[in-house]
Amino acid sequence: MGRHGVRSYHGPAHFTEEVTHAAHAPPVALVLSLQPSVKRDQLESLHTLSFIERRENVVFLGPPRVGKTHLAVSFAVAAAEGGRRVYYATLADLITSLEDAQQAGRLSHRLRTLVFPSLMILDEIGYLPISRTGAILLFQLMSRRYEHASTVLISNTGFEEWDEVLGDEVMAGALIDRLLHHCRIVNIRGNSYRMWEHRALATRLATAPVKPASPRARRPSRQEA
């Protein structure tokens, strides 16, 4: 694991336990069964990774815990197993790493490094706002990756709210225009997995057989003692 929680992978041997778990729990088939808003043919098409060959972007939109990250990381697993270099970071961690590089006078080198991975997964867009400086750095990175490599972005907010996330309406508009030029959008609208887990637990509790209480051992009376 790199600094700020940023991770880079090249081949299955480089997967951490966290990413491997995210890729398989819940399985893609389960996401499809629980989230009818996801189009199976669209997801199956994405899993061919042809979007990487065409250097297209993918944007997952939807509320928290509906399977966005699990689906995106499943692409990363397939890409790395196919020999491609993959990079994963949350938006906050990525911005922090770029700001650190800028302060150290090595921003150009850092941007060149981040252009190289065939697939970048950028998670948790919308959880925390970023500064205007951070938005500018993000735009610089996305501009360099534009038509050069694929980026998967995961957001719990719609595009209409990205100006609040990025802190600048003009910057948000420019970034969205750049991303959507060659992009596939997966919009997941459904209940969170926490709700499904609660329902499943409630069902198990309701159908579980009630074990009879074990009889207490009779304590001897003083006379018997």
Foldseek 3Di string as FASTA:
>chain_A
DDPLPKDKAAAPVRDDPVLVCLQVVPDPVVLCVQFVLFDPVVLVVVLVVVCLVQQAEEEEEAAPASSQSNSVSNSVNSQNNVGFMEIEDELVSVLVVLVVCVVVVNNVVVLVVLLRGQEYEYEEQPVAADELVSLVSVQVSLVSNQSRHYYYYYYHDDLVCNCVRDVHPVSSVVSVVSNPPRYHYGYTYGDHVVVVVVVVVVVCVVPPDDDDDDDDDDDDDPVVD
